[in-house]
Protein backbone atom coordinates (compact mmCIF):
# COMPACT_ATOMS: atom_id res chain seq x y z
CA MET A 1 -38.75 -28.41 6.75
CA GLY A 2 -38.01 -26.11 3.92
CA ILE A 3 -35.12 -23.93 2.95
CA ASP A 4 -35.12 -20.48 4.51
CA GLN A 5 -36.24 -18.05 1.83
CA GLY A 6 -34.74 -15.04 3.61
CA THR A 7 -32.85 -12.33 1.84
CA TYR A 8 -29.58 -13.25 0.23
CA LYS A 9 -26.71 -10.84 0.54
CA GLU A 10 -23.73 -11.32 -1.73
CA ALA A 11 -20.35 -11.27 -0.02
CA ASP A 12 -18.42 -8.03 -0.26
CA ASN A 13 -15.26 -8.67 -2.29
CA THR A 14 -13.67 -5.31 -1.51
CA LYS A 15 -10.12 -5.61 -0.26
CA GLU A 16 -9.18 -3.28 2.54
CA ARG A 17 -5.48 -2.60 2.17
CA CYS A 18 -5.11 -0.74 5.44
CA ASP A 19 -7.18 0.25 8.43
CA PRO A 20 -9.17 3.44 7.64
CA VAL A 21 -8.46 4.86 11.12
CA LYS A 22 -4.70 4.38 10.66
CA LEU A 23 -4.93 5.95 7.21
CA GLU A 24 -6.80 8.95 8.64
CA TYR A 25 -4.04 9.58 11.19
CA PHE A 26 -1.38 9.32 8.47
CA ILE A 27 -3.19 11.71 6.11
CA SER A 28 -3.77 14.18 8.96
CA PHE A 29 -0.07 14.13 9.80
CA ILE A 30 1.29 14.51 6.26
CA THR A 31 -1.12 17.38 5.53
CA SER A 32 -0.30 19.22 8.78
CA PRO A 33 1.61 22.53 8.84
CA HIS A 34 4.63 20.68 10.26
CA ILE A 35 5.10 18.97 6.91
CA LEU A 36 3.59 21.31 4.33
CA ILE A 37 4.34 24.91 3.46
CA GLY A 38 1.18 26.97 3.02
CA LEU A 39 1.58 27.26 -0.75
CA PRO A 40 -1.09 25.05 -2.27
CA TYR A 41 -1.06 24.77 -6.04
CA GLY A 42 -4.16 22.68 -6.69
CA HIS A 43 -5.93 19.60 -5.43
CA THR A 44 -5.71 15.90 -6.09
CA LYS A 45 -8.42 13.31 -5.56
CA VAL A 46 -7.51 10.04 -3.85
CA THR A 47 -9.92 7.11 -3.58
CA ASP A 48 -9.53 4.33 -1.02
CA SER A 49 -10.50 0.68 -1.52
CA GLN A 50 -14.02 1.31 -0.19
CA GLY A 51 -14.69 4.04 -2.74
CA THR A 52 -14.37 7.00 -0.36
CA THR A 53 -12.84 9.95 -2.20
CA TYR A 54 -10.57 12.43 -0.46
CA ASP A 55 -9.75 15.85 -1.90
CA LEU A 56 -6.21 16.67 -0.79
CA PRO A 57 -4.37 19.92 -1.42
CA GLN A 58 -1.22 19.64 -3.48
CA SER A 59 1.23 21.60 -1.41
CA ILE A 60 4.97 21.92 -1.23
CA ARG A 61 6.55 19.59 1.31
CA GLN A 62 9.22 20.99 3.61
CA THR A 63 10.83 17.60 4.17
CA GLY A 64 11.73 14.56 2.09
CA ILE A 65 9.71 11.36 2.16
CA TYR A 66 12.13 9.54 4.49
CA GLU A 67 12.17 12.41 6.98
CA THR A 68 8.39 12.75 6.81
CA ILE A 69 7.81 9.07 7.60
CA ASP A 70 10.38 9.13 10.42
CA MET A 71 8.63 12.20 11.87
CA TYR A 72 5.23 10.46 11.56
CA ILE A 73 6.48 7.38 13.43
CA ALA A 74 8.14 9.49 16.14
CA TYR A 75 4.99 11.62 16.54
CA MET A 76 2.69 8.60 16.87
CA LYS A 77 4.99 7.00 19.45
CA GLU A 78 5.23 10.27 21.39
CA MET A 79 1.43 10.50 21.48
CA GLY A 80 1.14 6.88 22.63
CA LEU A 81 -0.59 5.80 19.42
CA GLU A 82 1.76 2.98 18.37
CA LYS A 83 -1.22 0.70 17.73
CA LEU A 84 -2.45 3.11 15.05
CA LEU A 85 0.82 3.26 13.10
CA LEU A 86 0.77 2.29 9.45
CA LYS A 87 3.58 -0.02 8.40
CA ARG A 88 6.58 1.88 7.07
CA THR A 89 6.27 0.18 3.67
CA THR A 90 2.61 1.24 3.42
CA CYS A 91 3.59 4.88 4.02
CA TYR A 92 5.78 4.85 0.91
CA LYS A 93 2.89 3.83 -1.38
């Protein structure tokens, strides 16, 4: 018996700080017309832990960060998507 000479795949050391699906819901909510005024003044690039880059418009928010997160949590609960909520502390990052 010999050692299997199959292909060796190195372990992926990428840390995933939050579930990509949960992050997608959060980004969709905070970039919705309920939160932003339609006055974009540029774009910002955000990269997640897996290297995916998002191009987000820099727009003027109508609400403060605390109100925005409270609205996000209420919206997700109203839609029955509690399992897809990001933790409150993660939303502030």
